[in-house]
Protein backbone atom coordinates (compact mmCIF):
# COMPACT_ATOMS: atom_id res chain seq x y z
CA UNK A 1 0.00 0.00 0.00
CA UNK A 2 2.71 2.47 1.01
CA UNK A 3 4.76 1.94 -2.17
CA UNK A 4 2.16 3.84 -4.21
CA UNK A 5 3.22 7.52 -4.46
CA UNK A 6 -0.24 8.87 -3.70
CA UNK A 7 -0.47 6.69 -0.60
CA UNK A 8 2.93 7.93 0.55
CA UNK A 9 1.67 11.49 0.20
CA UNK A 10 -1.57 10.85 2.07
CA UNK A 11 0.19 8.91 4.81
CA UNK A 12 2.60 11.82 5.25
CA UNK A 13 -0.25 14.32 5.55
CA UNK A 14 -2.06 11.96 7.93
CA UNK A 15 1.00 11.88 10.17
CA UNK A 16 1.40 15.65 9.90
CA UNK A 17 -2.24 16.19 10.85
CA UNK A 18 -1.85 13.92 13.86
CA UNK A 19 1.27 15.78 15.00
CA UNK A 20 -0.43 19.11 14.39
CA UNK A 21 -3.39 18.12 16.58
CA UNK A 22 -1.19 16.78 19.38
CA UNK A 23 1.19 19.76 19.49
CA UNK A 24 -1.36 22.54 18.93
CA UNK A 25 -1.75 25.38 21.43
CA UNK A 26 -5.42 26.07 20.63
CA UNK A 27 -8.51 24.02 19.95
CA UNK A 28 -8.88 25.55 16.49
CA UNK A 29 -5.51 24.28 15.27
CA UNK A 30 -6.22 20.96 16.98
CA UNK A 31 -9.47 20.75 15.01
CA UNK A 32 -7.56 21.58 11.80
CA UNK A 33 -5.12 18.77 12.55
CA UNK A 34 -7.96 16.31 13.13
CA UNK A 35 -9.61 17.34 9.85
CA UNK A 36 -6.35 16.97 7.93
CA UNK A 37 -5.93 13.56 9.51
CA UNK A 38 -9.47 12.59 8.50
CA UNK A 39 -9.18 13.78 4.90
CA UNK A 40 -5.84 11.98 4.52
CA UNK A 41 -7.16 8.67 5.79
CA UNK A 42 -10.15 8.52 3.42
CA UNK A 43 -7.99 7.99 0.25
CA UNK A 44 -5.97 5.34 2.08
CA UNK A 45 -9.18 3.42 2.79
CA UNK A 46 -10.36 3.50 -0.83
CA UNK A 47 -9.24 0.49 -2.81
CA UNK A 48 -10.26 -0.87 -6.20
CA UNK A 49 -9.68 -4.44 -5.06
CA UNK A 50 -11.95 -4.14 -2.00
CA UNK A 51 -15.64 -3.86 -2.83
CA UNK A 52 -16.51 -2.71 0.70
CA UNK A 53 -13.99 0.16 0.85
CA UNK A 54 -16.43 2.78 -0.45
CA UNK A 55 -18.99 1.90 2.22
CA UNK A 56 -16.31 1.94 4.92
CA UNK A 57 -15.05 5.33 3.68
CA UNK A 58 -18.54 6.83 3.82
CA UNK A 59 -19.25 5.48 7.32
CA UNK A 60 -15.92 6.70 8.60
CA UNK A 61 -16.34 10.15 7.05
CA UNK A 62 -19.86 10.68 8.39
CA UNK A 63 -18.90 9.58 11.91
CA UNK A 64 -15.76 11.69 12.04
CA UNK A 65 -17.55 14.68 10.52
CA UNK A 66 -20.20 14.43 13.28
CA UNK A 67 -17.48 14.38 15.93
CA UNK A 68 -15.72 17.35 14.31
CA UNK A 69 -18.99 19.30 14.30
CA UNK A 70 -19.37 18.53 18.00
CA UNK A 71 -15.87 19.91 18.62
CA UNK A 72 -16.85 23.16 16.89
CA UNK A 73 -20.04 23.28 18.92
CA UNK A 74 -18.05 22.73 22.12
CA UNK A 75 -15.69 25.54 21.12
CA UNK A 76 -18.64 27.87 20.65
CA UNK A 77 -20.02 26.82 24.02
CA UNK A 78 -16.60 27.51 25.56
CA UNK A 79 -16.63 31.06 24.20
CA UNK A 80 -20.21 31.56 25.42
CA UNK A 81 -19.16 30.44 28.91
CA UNK A 82 -21.34 27.31 29.02
CA UNK A 83 -20.03 24.97 31.68
CA UNK A 84 -20.79 21.61 30.02
CA UNK A 85 -18.61 22.22 26.96
CA UNK A 86 -15.92 19.87 28.31
CA UNK A 87 -18.35 16.94 28.32
CA UNK A 88 -19.39 17.71 24.74
CA UNK A 89 -15.74 17.93 23.73
CA UNK A 90 -14.90 14.68 25.51
CA UNK A 91 -17.80 12.85 23.82
CA UNK A 92 -16.59 14.06 20.41
CA UNK A 93 -13.08 12.76 21.08
CA UNK A 94 -14.44 9.45 22.39
CA UNK A 95 -16.43 9.08 19.15
CA UNK A 96 -13.29 9.70 17.11
CA UNK A 97 -11.31 7.01 18.93
CA UNK A 98 -14.19 4.48 18.87
CA UNK A 99 -14.68 4.06 22.62
CA UNK A 100 -17.92 2.50 23.89
CA UNK A 101 -20.78 3.39 24.01
CA UNK A 102 -19.86 5.44 20.90
CA UNK A 103 -18.28 2.43 19.19
CA UNK A 104 -20.90 1.22 16.71
CA UNK A 105 -19.09 2.63 13.69
CA UNK A 106 -15.74 1.06 14.55
CA UNK A 107 -16.43 -2.65 13.79
CA UNK A 108 -18.45 -1.75 10.68
CA UNK A 109 -15.65 0.40 9.27
CA UNK A 110 -12.99 -2.16 10.20
CA UNK A 111 -14.92 -4.84 8.33
CA UNK A 112 -14.44 -2.94 5.05
CA UNK A 113 -10.72 -2.27 5.45
CA UNK A 114 -7.61 -4.17 4.49
CA UNK A 115 -5.23 -5.20 7.23
CA UNK A 116 -2.77 -2.36 6.58
CA UNK A 117 -5.54 0.22 6.81
CA UNK A 118 -6.84 -1.49 9.92
CA UNK A 119 -3.42 -1.06 11.54
CA UNK A 120 -3.65 2.70 10.99
CA UNK A 121 -7.23 2.84 12.27
CA UNK A 122 -6.51 0.93 15.47
CA UNK A 123 -3.18 2.61 16.32
CA UNK A 124 -2.32 5.96 14.72
CA UNK A 125 -5.89 7.22 14.57
CA UNK A 126 -6.22 6.92 18.35
CA UNK A 127 -3.21 9.10 19.22
CA UNK A 128 -4.63 12.56 18.50
CA UNK A 129 -8.04 12.07 20.22
CA UNK A 130 -6.44 10.59 23.34
CA UNK A 131 -3.78 13.28 23.52
CA UNK A 132 -6.46 15.99 23.25
CA UNK A 133 -8.63 14.18 25.80
CA UNK A 134 -5.81 14.43 28.33
CA UNK A 135 -6.24 18.23 28.29
CA UNK A 136 -9.81 18.05 29.60
CA UNK A 137 -9.56 14.86 31.62
CA UNK A 138 -9.92 16.63 34.97
CA UNK A 139 -13.19 18.35 34.07
CA UNK A 140 -14.69 15.23 32.41
CA UNK A 141 -13.57 12.75 35.07
CA UNK A 142 -16.96 11.14 35.71
CA UNK A 143 -17.61 10.63 32.02
CA UNK A 144 -14.38 8.65 31.64
CA UNK A 145 -15.11 6.65 34.80
CA UNK A 146 -18.36 5.59 33.10
CA UNK A 147 -16.81 4.96 29.68
CA UNK A 148 -13.93 2.74 30.89
CA UNK A 149 -16.05 -0.19 32.26
CA UNK A 150 -18.49 0.04 29.34
CA UNK A 151 -15.64 -0.15 26.82
CA UNK A 152 -14.04 -3.05 28.69
CA UNK A 153 -17.27 -5.09 28.69
CA UNK A 154 -18.29 -4.19 25.12
CA UNK A 155 -14.83 -5.06 23.80
CA UNK A 156 -14.95 -8.38 25.63
CA UNK A 157 -18.52 -9.50 24.93
CA UNK A 158 -18.62 -8.19 21.37
CA UNK A 159 -15.87 -10.49 20.16
CA UNK A 160 -17.14 -13.77 21.61
CA UNK A 161 -19.24 -14.96 18.67
CA UNK A 162 -17.31 -13.18 15.92
CA UNK A 163 -16.14 -15.25 12.96
CA UNK A 164 -14.72 -12.30 11.00
CA UNK A 165 -11.17 -11.61 12.12
CA UNK A 166 -11.31 -7.87 11.48
CA UNK A 167 -14.39 -7.48 13.65
CA UNK A 168 -12.79 -9.62 16.34
CA UNK A 169 -9.70 -7.40 16.28
CA UNK A 170 -11.85 -4.25 16.31
CA UNK A 171 -13.65 -5.35 19.48
CA UNK A 172 -10.27 -6.21 20.95
CA UNK A 173 -9.18 -2.65 20.12
CA UNK A 174 -12.23 -1.29 21.95
CA UNK A 175 -11.28 -3.33 25.00
CA UNK A 176 -7.72 -2.01 24.88
CA UNK A 177 -9.11 1.52 24.55
CA UNK A 178 -10.61 1.05 28.01
CA UNK A 179 -7.17 0.18 29.37
CA UNK A 180 -5.62 3.19 27.65
CA UNK A 181 -8.27 5.53 29.03
CA UNK A 182 -7.75 4.17 32.53
CA UNK A 183 -3.99 4.66 32.10
CA UNK A 184 -4.70 8.21 30.92
CA UNK A 185 -6.61 8.82 34.16
CA UNK A 186 -3.40 8.05 36.07
CA UNK A 187 -0.71 9.76 33.98
CA UNK A 188 0.26 10.45 30.39
CA UNK A 189 3.51 8.50 30.74
CA UNK A 190 1.59 5.38 31.72
CA UNK A 191 -0.66 5.84 28.68
CA UNK A 192 2.41 6.12 26.41
CA UNK A 193 3.83 2.88 27.81
CA UNK A 194 0.57 0.99 27.35
CA UNK A 195 -0.08 2.41 23.89
CA UNK A 196 3.43 1.54 22.68
CA UNK A 197 3.16 -2.08 23.77
CA UNK A 198 -0.37 -2.31 22.35
CA UNK A 199 0.90 -1.10 18.98
CA UNK A 200 3.61 -3.79 18.92
CA UNK A 201 1.24 -6.64 19.78
CA UNK A 202 -1.68 -5.59 17.58
CA UNK A 203 0.51 -4.82 14.56
CA UNK A 204 2.09 -8.26 14.91
CA UNK A 205 -1.27 -10.00 14.63
CA UNK A 206 -2.54 -7.75 11.84
CA UNK A 207 0.61 -8.22 9.77
CA UNK A 208 0.45 -11.98 10.24
CA UNK A 209 -3.15 -12.02 9.01
CA UNK A 210 -2.16 -9.70 6.16
CA UNK A 211 0.65 -11.94 4.92
CA UNK A 212 -1.67 -14.93 5.09
CA UNK A 213 -4.64 -12.99 3.66
CA UNK A 214 -6.86 -14.31 6.45
CA UNK A 215 -10.14 -12.47 6.96
CA UNK A 216 -12.41 -15.19 8.32
CA UNK A 217 -12.01 -17.86 10.99
CA UNK A 218 -12.33 -20.54 8.29
CA UNK A 219 -9.19 -19.16 6.64
CA UNK A 220 -7.21 -20.06 9.74
CA UNK A 221 -8.75 -23.54 9.85
CA UNK A 222 -7.98 -24.34 6.24
CA UNK A 223 -5.08 -26.59 5.39
CA UNK A 224 -2.93 -23.82 3.94
CA UNK A 225 -2.39 -22.26 7.35
CA UNK A 226 -1.67 -25.30 9.44
CA UNK A 227 2.06 -25.38 9.95
CA UNK A 228 3.33 -25.73 13.49
CA UNK A 229 5.53 -22.61 13.31
CA UNK A 230 2.68 -20.42 12.08
CA UNK A 231 0.33 -21.75 14.72
CA UNK A 232 2.93 -20.99 17.40
CA UNK A 233 3.39 -17.49 16.01
CA UNK A 234 -0.33 -16.79 16.15
CA UNK A 235 -0.67 -18.48 19.54
CA UNK A 236 2.04 -16.45 21.28
CA UNK A 237 1.06 -13.18 19.62
CA UNK A 238 -2.62 -13.46 20.56
CA UNK A 239 -1.79 -14.38 24.14
CA UNK A 240 0.52 -11.37 24.32
CA UNK A 241 -2.25 -9.16 22.96
CA UNK A 242 -4.62 -10.59 25.55
CA UNK A 243 -2.17 -9.81 28.34
CA UNK A 244 -1.43 -13.33 29.56
CA UNK A 245 1.63 -13.43 31.83
CA UNK A 246 4.51 -13.51 31.25
CA UNK A 247 4.26 -12.25 27.67
CA UNK A 248 5.04 -8.66 26.71
CA UNK A 249 1.40 -7.57 26.62
CA UNK A 250 1.04 -8.41 30.30
CA UNK A 251 3.68 -5.91 31.44
CA UNK A 252 1.73 -2.65 30.78
CA UNK A 253 -1.44 -4.21 32.19
CA UNK A 254 0.46 -5.23 35.28
CA UNK A 255 1.77 -1.69 35.77
CA UNK A 256 -1.65 -0.18 35.03
CA UNK A 257 -3.40 -2.40 37.58
CA UNK A 258 -0.83 -1.47 40.21
CA UNK A 259 -1.28 2.25 39.56
CA UNK A 260 -5.07 1.99 39.42
CA UNK A 261 -5.14 0.14 42.75
CA UNK A 262 -2.81 2.70 44.32
CA UNK A 263 -5.12 5.50 43.10
CA UNK A 264 -8.23 3.86 44.65
CA UNK A 265 -9.80 2.95 41.29
CA UNK A 266 -10.36 -0.66 42.33
CA UNK A 267 -13.79 -0.86 40.70
CA UNK A 268 -12.23 0.07 37.34
CA UNK A 269 -9.60 -2.64 37.77
CA UNK A 270 -12.37 -5.20 38.33
CA UNK A 271 -14.09 -4.43 35.00
CA UNK A 272 -10.78 -4.28 33.14
CA UNK A 273 -9.66 -7.67 34.48
CA UNK A 274 -13.03 -9.30 33.72
CA UNK A 275 -12.92 -7.92 30.18
CA UNK A 276 -9.38 -9.21 29.70
CA UNK A 277 -10.35 -12.70 30.87
CA UNK A 278 -13.18 -12.81 28.32
CA UNK A 279 -10.78 -11.58 25.62
CA UNK A 280 -8.38 -14.38 26.49
CA UNK A 281 -11.24 -16.86 26.19
CA UNK A 282 -11.90 -16.16 22.53
CA UNK A 283 -8.20 -15.76 21.78
CA UNK A 284 -7.63 -19.26 23.16
CA UNK A 285 -10.66 -20.55 21.26
CA UNK A 286 -9.19 -19.13 18.06
CA UNK A 287 -5.72 -20.59 18.54
CA UNK A 288 -6.76 -23.96 19.98
CA UNK A 289 -9.21 -24.47 17.11
CA UNK A 290 -6.35 -23.82 14.71
CA UNK A 291 -4.15 -26.36 16.50
CA UNK A 292 -6.79 -29.07 16.89
CA UNK A 293 -8.15 -28.86 13.34
CA UNK A 294 -4.80 -28.88 11.55
CA UNK A 295 -4.26 -31.02 8.50
CA UNK A 296 -1.49 -31.84 6.07
CA UNK A 297 -0.21 -29.45 3.44
CA UNK A 298 -0.51 -30.02 -0.27
CA UNK A 299 2.69 -29.88 -2.28
CA UNK A 300 1.99 -26.48 -3.86
CA UNK A 301 1.22 -24.94 -0.49
CA UNK A 302 4.83 -25.21 0.66
CA UNK A 303 5.66 -22.36 -1.72
CA UNK A 304 3.90 -19.83 0.51
CA UNK A 305 5.71 -20.77 3.70
CA UNK A 306 8.29 -17.96 3.43
CA UNK A 307 5.81 -15.11 3.16
CA UNK A 308 6.25 -14.02 6.78
CA UNK A 309 8.81 -11.22 6.61
CA UNK A 310 11.70 -10.40 8.89
CA UNK A 311 9.71 -7.47 10.29
CA UNK A 312 6.97 -9.80 11.47
CA UNK A 313 9.51 -12.18 13.01
CA UNK A 314 11.07 -9.23 14.84
CA UNK A 315 7.67 -8.18 16.22
CA UNK A 316 6.99 -11.73 17.32
CA UNK A 317 10.26 -11.61 19.23
CA UNK A 318 9.02 -8.37 20.83
CA UNK A 319 5.93 -10.26 22.02
CA UNK A 320 8.18 -12.72 23.83
CA UNK A 321 10.48 -10.14 25.42
CA UNK A 322 8.18 -10.14 28.44
CA UNK A 323 9.47 -13.63 29.26
CA UNK A 324 12.87 -12.06 29.93
CA UNK A 325 11.88 -8.79 31.57
CA UNK A 326 9.00 -9.94 33.81
CA UNK A 327 11.32 -11.11 36.65
CA UNK A 328 13.26 -7.84 36.46
CA UNK A 329 10.09 -5.72 36.62
CA UNK A 330 8.80 -7.82 39.48
CA UNK A 331 11.95 -7.22 41.50
CA UNK A 332 11.85 -3.48 40.77
CA UNK A 333 8.14 -3.02 41.64
CA UNK A 334 8.03 -5.32 44.65
């Protein structure tokens, strides 16, 4: 995707818009950055080979345009001296990042995207709204306290019966959004740590599915995917994404739970842990089904065994780094 010159241009403007929104000193320039980010992502979604890309582009544009209009309305309310403008602004930013209960657009848009576009939607597109939300987090505290458990439960329960891998990953992203919002309630540095590890684990899974062109659960159960090494790759990466100790994905959740408990947010920790356990349930169901229903490869299928790139192998190694650093972190924090 990124080798096409037009896509390189739009990805550059998308990154510039994100940086402009994060580093802006006024809400007007932040709004301009969000709009530039939006208008740059729409061409990246559009694809001639994907028949659902036009529908996904329209849904994404309408949702983001509604949130942008709410930001302008909140700015007008701020000038008029209306006290509830921070809640309106926070709701608009929560819509942009796809947090529950404003999440309905997120799985539907993700279903029409390719895996590379899904990586951008679930990682880069969350940076600017969360960074802007940190500016008004004190005045919209109770709204976030309500959104965090809802997002954790929706992200967990929504993915249980999903057979489409992109929808399953989108609900997983909603669940991780709850963790990132709870980390944002504690400190921005904790949010950066969690978001960085989340990007590594989620990009690993998405790239693996991209190289294997897997979009449905049946694609993982077909004979072309059933090599032991590939099953182990998917198994370890999904468990790291779910936060099972001692994989890398567990480390930021461990730190977040400690900080939440120290800040007397125990009820938030309860919902987050319950949501994570449900997430691990359908991750294990996905991987164990792939292991148990494996079959032999045909001769021509051995030709596709080297499609997993060095970058993916490196990210898989990053998922297993937690096996080395968990004892060190335990000794430091205990």
